[in-house]
Amino acid sequence: MTRIVCFGPGPRFKGGIANYNTSLAKAFDKQDNTEVHIVSWTRQYPAIIPRDFIDRKSRKDQLEGTQIKVHYLTNYNNPFSWMKTVKEIAALKPDLVVFQWAIAVQGLPLGFIASRLAKKNIRVVFDLHFVIQKEGSALDNRFTAFGIKSATSYVVHARQTADQLKELFPNRSFDVRTSFDVLASDKKAVLQLYHPVYDMFKPDPDFDKLKVKQELGLNKHVFLFFGFIRKYKGLHQAIEAFAKLSQQRDDVSLLIVGESFWQTLDTKKWSTKLKNQLFGIAKSLFLKKRDDERNYQPLELISTYKLQDKVLVINEFVPNEEVHKYFQVSDNLLLFYLTATPSGVESIGYNFKIPMLATKVGHFVDTVKDGYNGYLAENKIEAMTDIMQEAIENPIPRANIAETAHLMSWENYAAQIRRLIQNQP
């Protein structure tokens, strides 16, 4: 019996990393003679962060039909819970612990937990969603180095991330490959894979696209922006590019579906006001002023450009059961990011066979094949407008996206990680 622990947010949390950790656990659970545990946070972040991270809307149990056990143990704000987490993971006697690494601020608790597991000769893998943070502070690299330094090996989703790992640890030797048979004993293994396609979001075979478009008041050609509204995701660029497109044609709509990342708490409550004040002080100390995105308000551009009749905004967290509706009603997915690491939104798009329109940043140049499964644009508004027009005039065959998705399954991903158990020196 192989026992694997997936450490990361459990299914009660919002966001792509929670979905990712849950999907990976389910993929391990499908393998023969494998016992899987999810070890999760109770609170993922410092208490001063003014945001609600709990999924209070999704109804379906994502782990239904599995044997996966979930342990909600780790409180960021309680170091005693960190030691409790170490003891409980060690008591499970896992063959492998896979940590999800997605934000530098978690470096203190994760570094503490991982280092103590490593000292107990437990194999520790960090699944790196980033190394150099998109919107970082002066301390982020230090938090990251402390958080991930004790790993036995690493998994990355793009060559860019592997290169950043080498920059972070210039005195270490890394062995970067897409699969492993025998690992070099004097190097840290880095397994370069991909961001798998989420299997929890599935198209409804009975979905009536025309009917739903009419109900939502959408025009013939629908462009979708989906996910948390964060500055690096470039919604302001998407709106500006769409504004230019709408000047050229009347048959287009922009569908914006997602929660404003920093606007999830009741601002009238004293606790929210206190958190905002404390968080603001912390950001002013460690973050460049231009990188503080709490006042990022891209939706105001809709009225600026007088687009109210062509843009539909669903400015809230969407429960898992309703995700399919917005992807199935849309024709193209907008990924006009300023910077990009492998994207959960992109992964969802593949599951719905929707063409990607992306900027030439980060890993998009590797995953979006221009003219095959989507179109790529330079990071200029005019170029973004051009590929939106191109997507209408020369639509991407959905079969091309299906072929891309077939190569990025969770089962293949989990099987590759599991091989690190047998081949780790």
Protein backbone atom coordinates (compact mmCIF):
# COMPACT_ATOMS: atom_id res chain seq x y z
CA MET A 1 0.00 0.00 0.00
CA THR A 2 1.32 3.43 -1.02
CA ARG A 3 0.27 6.30 1.23
CA ILE A 4 0.29 9.88 -0.16
CA VAL A 5 -0.49 13.15 1.60
CA CYS A 6 -1.59 16.17 -0.46
CA PHE A 7 -0.98 19.31 1.59
CA GLY A 8 -2.93 22.37 0.50
CA PRO A 9 -6.34 24.01 0.84
CA GLY A 10 -9.14 21.47 1.10
CA PRO A 11 -12.39 21.49 -0.86
CA ARG A 12 -14.10 23.90 1.54
CA PHE A 13 -11.89 26.76 0.27
CA LYS A 14 -12.31 29.06 -2.74
CA GLY A 15 -9.96 29.25 -5.66
CA GLY A 16 -7.80 27.37 -8.10
CA ILE A 17 -5.31 25.95 -5.59
CA ALA A 18 -8.10 24.31 -3.60
CA ASN A 19 -9.50 22.83 -6.81
CA TYR A 20 -6.00 21.80 -7.84
CA ASN A 21 -5.14 20.07 -4.56
CA THR A 22 -8.47 18.25 -4.54
CA SER A 23 -8.10 17.13 -8.16
CA LEU A 24 -4.58 15.83 -7.57
CA ALA A 25 -5.74 13.87 -4.52
CA LYS A 26 -8.55 12.33 -6.57
CA ALA A 27 -6.07 11.32 -9.29
CA PHE A 28 -3.85 9.58 -6.73
CA ASP A 29 -6.94 7.91 -5.25
CA LYS A 30 -7.68 6.24 -8.60
CA GLN A 31 -4.33 4.46 -8.59
CA ASP A 32 -4.18 0.89 -7.32
CA ASN A 33 -3.14 0.23 -3.72
CA THR A 34 -3.00 3.92 -2.82
CA GLU A 35 -4.29 5.58 0.31
CA VAL A 36 -4.69 9.35 -0.01
CA HIS A 37 -5.04 12.04 2.64
CA ILE A 38 -5.59 15.76 2.19
CA VAL A 39 -4.01 17.77 4.97
CA SER A 40 -5.39 21.28 4.87
CA TRP A 41 -5.41 24.65 6.48
CA THR A 42 -8.00 25.95 8.88
CA ARG A 43 -6.69 29.47 8.12
CA GLN A 44 -4.34 29.92 5.17
CA TYR A 45 -3.13 33.49 5.75
CA PRO A 46 -2.34 36.09 8.42
CA ALA A 47 -5.47 37.18 10.25
CA ILE A 48 -5.03 40.80 9.11
CA ILE A 49 -5.67 39.96 5.44
CA PRO A 50 -9.10 41.49 4.66
CA ARG A 51 -10.58 38.71 2.57
CA ASP A 52 -12.95 35.74 2.87
CA PHE A 53 -11.35 32.55 1.52
CA ILE A 54 -14.14 30.06 2.28
CA ASP A 55 -16.36 28.64 -0.49
CA ARG A 56 -19.83 29.21 0.92
CA LYS A 57 -21.75 28.57 -2.31
CA SER A 58 -20.74 25.26 -3.91
CA ARG A 59 -23.06 22.43 -2.95
CA LYS A 60 -21.60 19.24 -4.43
CA ASP A 61 -19.13 17.18 -2.40
CA GLN A 62 -16.04 17.08 -4.63
CA LEU A 63 -14.75 13.97 -2.86
CA GLU A 64 -17.94 11.95 -3.24
CA GLY A 65 -17.14 8.41 -4.32
CA THR A 66 -13.53 8.52 -3.13
CA GLN A 67 -11.76 7.10 -0.07
CA ILE A 68 -9.84 10.34 0.55
CA LYS A 69 -9.62 11.51 4.15
CA VAL A 70 -9.41 15.27 4.82
CA HIS A 71 -7.66 16.69 7.89
CA TYR A 72 -8.16 20.42 8.54
CA LEU A 73 -5.23 21.08 10.86
CA THR A 74 -3.01 24.04 10.06
CA ASN A 75 -3.74 27.57 11.26
CA TYR A 76 -1.33 30.12 9.81
CA ASN A 77 -1.71 32.25 12.94
CA ASN A 78 -1.08 29.44 15.44
CA PRO A 79 2.47 27.97 15.38
CA PHE A 80 1.37 25.22 17.78
CA SER A 81 -0.86 23.93 14.98
CA TRP A 82 2.20 23.71 12.73
CA MET A 83 3.84 21.21 15.07
CA LYS A 84 0.55 19.35 15.42
CA THR A 85 0.46 19.11 11.61
CA VAL A 86 3.97 17.63 11.54
CA LYS A 87 3.06 15.01 14.13
CA GLU A 88 -0.18 14.00 12.43
CA ILE A 89 1.40 13.74 8.98
CA ALA A 90 4.29 11.71 10.41
CA ALA A 91 1.78 9.42 12.16
CA LEU A 92 0.25 8.62 8.76
CA LYS A 93 3.67 7.27 7.66
CA PRO A 94 3.34 8.63 4.12
CA ASP A 95 5.55 7.53 1.25
CA LEU A 96 5.24 11.01 -0.20
CA VAL A 97 3.94 14.43 0.88
CA VAL A 98 3.06 16.82 -1.96
CA PHE A 99 2.86 20.48 -0.90
CA GLN A 100 1.05 23.04 -3.04
CA TRP A 101 3.16 26.21 -3.24
CA ALA A 102 1.24 29.22 -4.56
CA ILE A 103 2.05 32.28 -2.43
CA ALA A 104 5.17 33.47 -0.64
CA VAL A 105 3.48 34.54 2.58
CA GLN A 106 2.92 30.86 3.44
CA GLY A 107 6.68 30.34 3.58
CA LEU A 108 6.92 30.40 7.38
CA PRO A 109 4.46 27.61 8.24
CA LEU A 110 5.21 25.49 5.16
CA GLY A 111 8.95 25.80 5.62
CA PHE A 112 8.59 24.79 9.28
CA ILE A 113 6.41 21.77 8.46
CA ALA A 114 8.43 20.60 5.45
CA SER A 115 11.80 20.86 7.20
CA ARG A 116 10.66 18.75 10.12
CA LEU A 117 9.13 16.12 7.87
CA ALA A 118 12.38 15.98 5.89
CA LYS A 119 14.32 15.42 9.12
CA LYS A 120 12.09 12.39 9.69
CA ASN A 121 13.20 11.05 6.27
CA ILE A 122 9.75 11.64 4.75
CA ARG A 123 9.87 12.44 1.04
CA VAL A 124 8.67 15.99 0.42
CA VAL A 125 7.69 17.30 -3.02
CA PHE A 126 6.79 20.93 -3.65
CA ASP A 127 4.39 21.45 -6.56
CA LEU A 128 5.45 24.96 -7.58
CA HIS A 129 2.82 27.22 -9.13
CA PHE A 130 5.38 30.03 -9.04
CA VAL A 131 8.82 30.87 -7.69
CA ILE A 132 9.12 34.60 -8.37
CA GLN A 133 5.79 36.05 -7.27
CA LYS A 134 3.78 38.16 -9.73
CA GLU A 135 3.16 41.04 -7.34
CA GLY A 136 5.90 40.65 -4.80
CA SER A 137 7.38 42.41 -1.82
CA ALA A 138 10.94 42.77 -0.63
CA LEU A 139 10.51 39.71 1.59
CA ASP A 140 8.89 37.35 -0.91
CA ASN A 141 12.06 35.68 -2.16
CA ARG A 142 13.18 35.05 1.41
CA PHE A 143 9.82 33.58 2.35
CA THR A 144 9.89 31.39 -0.76
CA ALA A 145 13.45 30.18 -0.18
CA PHE A 146 12.64 29.29 3.43
CA GLY A 147 9.35 27.67 2.48
CA ILE A 148 10.56 25.32 -0.24
CA LYS A 149 14.23 24.70 0.58
CA SER A 150 13.64 21.38 2.39
CA ALA A 151 12.00 19.62 -0.56
CA THR A 152 13.33 16.27 -1.69
CA SER A 153 12.23 17.22 -5.19
CA TYR A 154 10.08 19.71 -7.09
CA VAL A 155 7.35 19.74 -9.72
CA VAL A 156 6.98 22.71 -12.07
CA HIS A 157 4.48 23.49 -14.81
CA ALA A 158 6.76 25.51 -17.07
CA ARG A 159 10.43 25.84 -17.94
CA GLN A 160 10.25 29.45 -16.71
CA THR A 161 9.52 28.22 -13.18
CA ALA A 162 12.45 25.80 -13.27
CA ASP A 163 14.73 28.66 -14.36
CA GLN A 164 13.46 30.80 -11.48
CA LEU A 165 14.17 27.95 -9.07
CA LYS A 166 17.79 27.96 -10.22
CA GLU A 167 17.93 31.73 -9.68
CA LEU A 168 16.56 31.39 -6.16
CA PHE A 169 19.10 28.70 -5.22
CA PRO A 170 22.20 29.53 -7.32
CA ASN A 171 24.43 27.21 -5.30
CA ARG A 172 22.30 24.12 -5.85
CA SER A 173 22.36 21.68 -8.75
CA PHE A 174 19.06 20.68 -10.30
CA ASP A 175 18.14 17.84 -12.64
CA VAL A 176 15.21 19.11 -14.75
CA ARG A 177 13.34 16.52 -16.82
CA THR A 178 9.86 15.72 -18.07
CA SER A 179 10.05 12.19 -16.63
CA PHE A 180 12.44 10.23 -14.43
CA ASP A 181 13.80 6.71 -14.46
CA VAL A 182 16.90 7.06 -12.33
CA LEU A 183 17.59 10.29 -10.47
CA ALA A 184 21.02 11.81 -10.03
CA SER A 185 21.91 11.46 -6.34
CA ASP A 186 23.87 14.72 -6.26
CA LYS A 187 21.09 16.89 -7.72
CA LYS A 188 17.60 18.00 -6.75
CA ALA A 189 15.01 16.46 -9.04
CA VAL A 190 12.76 18.91 -10.88
CA LEU A 191 9.90 17.28 -12.74
CA GLN A 192 8.59 19.58 -15.47
CA LEU A 193 4.99 18.67 -16.27
CA TYR A 194 1.99 20.91 -17.04
CA HIS A 195 -1.13 22.30 -15.40
CA PRO A 196 -3.67 19.48 -15.76
CA VAL A 197 -7.18 20.03 -17.03
CA TYR A 198 -9.72 20.31 -14.23
CA ASP A 199 -12.14 17.40 -14.31
CA MET A 200 -14.57 18.85 -11.77
CA PHE A 201 -15.97 21.33 -14.31
CA LYS A 202 -17.81 19.46 -17.03
CA PRO A 203 -19.97 20.64 -19.91
CA ASP A 204 -23.70 20.02 -19.63
CA PRO A 205 -24.64 17.91 -22.69
CA ASP A 206 -28.17 19.35 -22.62
CA PHE A 207 -27.02 22.98 -22.45
CA ASP A 208 -29.03 25.28 -24.74
CA LYS A 209 -26.48 27.91 -25.71
CA LEU A 210 -28.82 30.06 -27.79
CA LYS A 211 -31.48 30.14 -25.07
CA VAL A 212 -29.02 31.13 -22.33
CA LYS A 213 -27.44 33.81 -24.54
CA GLN A 214 -30.87 35.34 -25.02
CA GLU A 215 -31.64 35.15 -21.30
CA LEU A 216 -28.37 36.89 -20.47
CA GLY A 217 -28.80 39.49 -23.21
CA LEU A 218 -25.62 38.48 -25.03
CA ASN A 219 -24.80 39.15 -28.66
CA LYS A 220 -23.65 36.62 -31.26
CA HIS A 221 -19.93 36.56 -30.41
CA VAL A 222 -19.16 36.25 -26.69
CA PHE A 223 -15.73 36.82 -25.14
CA LEU A 224 -15.26 35.55 -21.58
CA PHE A 225 -13.10 36.86 -18.75
CA PHE A 226 -13.33 34.40 -15.85
CA GLY A 227 -11.88 34.17 -12.35
CA PHE A 228 -10.75 36.38 -9.51
CA ILE A 229 -10.29 39.99 -10.58
CA ARG A 230 -6.60 40.65 -9.95
CA LYS A 231 -4.44 43.29 -11.60
CA TYR A 232 -1.98 40.83 -13.14
CA LYS A 233 -4.85 39.18 -15.02
CA GLY A 234 -5.29 42.33 -17.07
CA LEU A 235 -9.05 42.82 -17.03
CA HIS A 236 -8.48 46.53 -17.70
CA GLN A 237 -6.65 45.56 -20.91
CA ALA A 238 -9.45 43.19 -21.91
CA ILE A 239 -12.07 45.92 -21.46
CA GLU A 240 -10.01 48.46 -23.42
CA ALA A 241 -9.40 46.00 -26.26
CA PHE A 242 -13.07 45.06 -26.32
CA ALA A 243 -14.03 48.74 -26.41
CA LYS A 244 -12.06 49.14 -29.65
CA LEU A 245 -13.63 45.97 -31.07
CA SER A 246 -17.14 47.17 -30.22
CA GLN A 247 -16.51 50.33 -32.22
CA GLN A 248 -16.00 48.12 -35.28
CA ARG A 249 -18.94 45.75 -34.83
CA ASP A 250 -22.29 45.48 -33.03
CA ASP A 251 -22.50 41.69 -32.69
CA VAL A 252 -20.06 41.22 -29.79
CA SER A 253 -20.39 40.88 -26.01
CA LEU A 254 -17.92 40.75 -23.16
CA LEU A 255 -18.89 38.47 -20.27
CA ILE A 256 -16.99 39.17 -17.05
CA VAL A 257 -17.47 36.52 -14.37
CA GLY A 258 -15.51 36.68 -11.16
CA GLU A 259 -15.11 38.03 -7.67
CA SER A 260 -13.13 41.18 -6.99
CA PHE A 261 -10.29 39.67 -4.98
CA TRP A 262 -10.05 42.38 -2.30
CA GLN A 263 -13.76 43.11 -1.95
CA THR A 264 -15.22 40.04 -0.23
CA LEU A 265 -15.86 41.41 3.27
CA ASP A 266 -18.46 43.85 4.57
CA THR A 267 -16.57 47.16 4.63
CA LYS A 268 -18.99 48.57 7.22
CA LYS A 269 -17.86 46.13 9.92
CA TRP A 270 -15.25 47.40 12.39
CA SER A 271 -13.28 44.16 12.00
CA THR A 272 -12.96 44.74 8.24
CA LYS A 273 -11.90 48.36 8.79
CA LEU A 274 -9.25 47.23 11.29
CA LYS A 275 -7.95 44.55 8.95
CA ASN A 276 -7.73 47.05 6.09
CA GLN A 277 -5.76 49.47 8.24
CA LEU A 278 -3.31 46.83 9.51
CA PHE A 279 -2.95 45.25 6.08
CA GLY A 280 -2.36 48.66 4.55
CA ILE A 281 0.46 49.35 7.00
CA ALA A 282 2.07 45.98 6.24
CA LYS A 283 1.83 46.57 2.50
CA SER A 284 3.33 50.05 2.77
CA LEU A 285 6.34 48.57 4.57
CA PHE A 286 7.03 45.68 2.22
CA LEU A 287 5.31 46.34 -1.11
CA LYS A 288 6.09 48.87 -3.80
CA LYS A 289 3.26 51.39 -3.88
CA ARG A 290 2.55 50.77 -7.54
CA ASP A 291 2.01 47.06 -6.78
CA ASP A 292 -0.72 47.59 -4.16
CA GLU A 293 -3.81 46.44 -6.06
CA ARG A 294 -6.46 46.95 -3.39
CA ASN A 295 -7.70 50.04 -5.27
CA TYR A 296 -7.70 48.27 -8.63
CA GLN A 297 -11.13 49.07 -10.14
CA PRO A 298 -11.18 47.90 -13.79
CA LEU A 299 -14.97 47.58 -13.91
CA GLU A 300 -15.22 51.37 -13.84
CA LEU A 301 -13.91 51.33 -17.43
CA ILE A 302 -17.24 49.89 -18.57
CA SER A 303 -19.01 53.21 -17.98
CA THR A 304 -15.95 55.18 -19.10
CA TYR A 305 -16.17 53.56 -22.54
CA LYS A 306 -20.01 53.46 -22.47
CA LEU A 307 -20.11 49.67 -22.84
CA GLN A 308 -23.05 48.94 -20.52
CA ASP A 309 -25.14 47.44 -23.32
CA LYS A 310 -22.34 45.12 -24.50
CA VAL A 311 -20.76 43.98 -21.24
CA LEU A 312 -22.36 41.66 -18.68
CA VAL A 313 -20.71 41.49 -15.26
CA ILE A 314 -21.24 38.70 -12.71
CA ASN A 315 -19.11 40.23 -9.96
CA GLU A 316 -19.25 37.42 -7.39
CA PHE A 317 -17.77 34.04 -6.57
CA VAL A 318 -19.34 31.40 -8.81
CA PRO A 319 -20.18 28.02 -7.22
CA ASN A 320 -18.63 25.03 -8.95
CA GLU A 321 -22.02 23.83 -10.19
CA GLU A 322 -22.55 27.00 -12.25
CA VAL A 323 -19.13 27.36 -13.87
CA HIS A 324 -20.11 25.38 -16.97
CA LYS A 325 -22.84 27.87 -17.95
CA TYR A 326 -20.45 30.74 -18.55
CA PHE A 327 -17.91 28.70 -20.48
CA GLN A 328 -20.52 26.98 -22.62
CA VAL A 329 -22.22 30.26 -23.56
CA SER A 330 -18.91 31.83 -24.64
CA ASP A 331 -16.92 31.57 -27.84
CA ASN A 332 -13.43 32.61 -26.72
CA LEU A 333 -11.60 32.93 -23.39
CA LEU A 334 -9.62 36.14 -22.76
CA LEU A 335 -6.24 35.72 -21.04
CA PHE A 336 -4.78 39.19 -21.56
CA TYR A 337 -2.49 38.85 -18.54
CA LEU A 338 0.32 41.21 -17.61
CA THR A 339 2.35 38.29 -16.23
CA ALA A 340 1.49 34.61 -16.21
CA THR A 341 2.35 31.39 -14.48
CA PRO A 342 0.38 28.26 -15.46
CA SER A 343 -3.25 29.28 -15.16
CA GLY A 344 -6.16 27.47 -13.57
CA VAL A 345 -8.57 29.48 -15.72
CA GLU A 346 -6.74 28.30 -18.84
CA SER A 347 -7.05 24.74 -17.54
CA ILE A 348 -10.81 25.11 -17.11
CA GLY A 349 -11.01 26.47 -20.66
CA TYR A 350 -9.44 23.34 -22.11
CA ASN A 351 -12.09 21.24 -20.38
CA PHE A 352 -14.76 23.17 -22.29
CA LYS A 353 -12.79 23.15 -25.55
CA ILE A 354 -12.89 26.95 -25.71
CA PRO A 355 -10.20 28.78 -27.73
CA MET A 356 -7.72 30.89 -25.74
CA LEU A 357 -6.87 34.48 -26.66
CA ALA A 358 -3.74 35.32 -24.68
CA THR A 359 -0.90 37.77 -24.42
CA LYS A 360 2.64 36.63 -25.18
CA VAL A 361 3.69 36.52 -21.55
CA GLY A 362 4.90 33.78 -19.23
CA HIS A 363 4.00 30.25 -20.15
CA PHE A 364 1.21 31.18 -22.60
CA VAL A 365 3.78 31.19 -25.41
CA ASP A 366 4.29 27.47 -24.68
CA THR A 367 0.70 26.34 -24.17
CA VAL A 368 -1.29 28.52 -26.58
CA LYS A 369 -0.29 27.59 -30.11
CA ASP A 370 -1.08 30.60 -32.25
CA GLY A 371 -3.73 29.70 -34.82
CA TYR A 372 -4.16 26.15 -33.47
CA ASN A 373 -5.81 26.21 -30.03
CA GLY A 374 -6.02 29.99 -29.76
CA TYR A 375 -4.37 33.26 -30.75
CA LEU A 376 -1.49 35.16 -29.19
CA ALA A 377 -1.06 38.94 -29.02
CA GLU A 378 1.70 41.29 -28.09
CA ASN A 379 0.99 43.10 -24.83
CA LYS A 380 -0.59 46.03 -26.67
CA ILE A 381 -4.27 46.96 -26.78
CA GLU A 382 -4.39 47.16 -30.58
CA ALA A 383 -2.88 43.68 -30.89
CA MET A 384 -5.45 42.28 -28.46
CA THR A 385 -8.28 43.82 -30.45
CA ASP A 386 -6.81 42.33 -33.63
CA ILE A 387 -6.83 38.75 -32.32
CA MET A 388 -10.39 39.16 -31.06
CA GLN A 389 -11.36 40.12 -34.57
CA GLU A 390 -9.29 37.23 -35.96
CA ALA A 391 -11.05 34.78 -33.64
CA ILE A 392 -14.40 35.85 -35.11
CA GLU A 393 -13.29 35.77 -38.74
CA ASN A 394 -11.22 32.58 -38.43
CA PRO A 395 -12.61 30.60 -35.51
CA ILE A 396 -10.38 27.95 -33.95
CA PRO A 397 -11.66 24.37 -34.43
CA ARG A 398 -12.81 22.99 -31.09
CA ALA A 399 -11.22 19.64 -31.94
CA ASN A 400 -7.81 21.29 -31.64
CA ILE A 401 -8.49 22.29 -28.05
CA ALA A 402 -9.75 18.79 -27.27
CA GLU A 403 -6.48 17.32 -28.55
CA THR A 404 -4.49 19.69 -26.33
CA ALA A 405 -6.60 18.78 -23.30
CA HIS A 406 -6.11 15.05 -23.90
CA LEU A 407 -2.37 15.44 -23.28
CA MET A 408 -2.87 17.14 -19.89
CA SER A 409 -4.76 14.60 -17.79
CA TRP A 410 -4.62 14.38 -14.00
CA GLU A 411 -4.02 10.64 -14.19
CA ASN A 412 -0.80 11.05 -16.20
CA TYR A 413 0.29 13.91 -13.95
CA ALA A 414 -0.20 11.95 -10.72
CA ALA A 415 1.49 8.87 -12.18
CA GLN A 416 4.61 10.89 -13.01
CA ILE A 417 4.81 12.32 -9.49
CA ARG A 418 4.32 8.89 -7.97
CA ARG A 419 7.38 7.65 -9.83
CA LEU A 420 9.44 9.94 -7.60
CA ILE A 421 8.73 7.49 -4.76
CA GLN A 422 10.38 4.56 -6.50
CA ASN A 423 13.23 6.47 -8.12
CA GLN A 424 14.24 8.87 -5.37
CA PRO A 425 17.77 8.03 -4.19
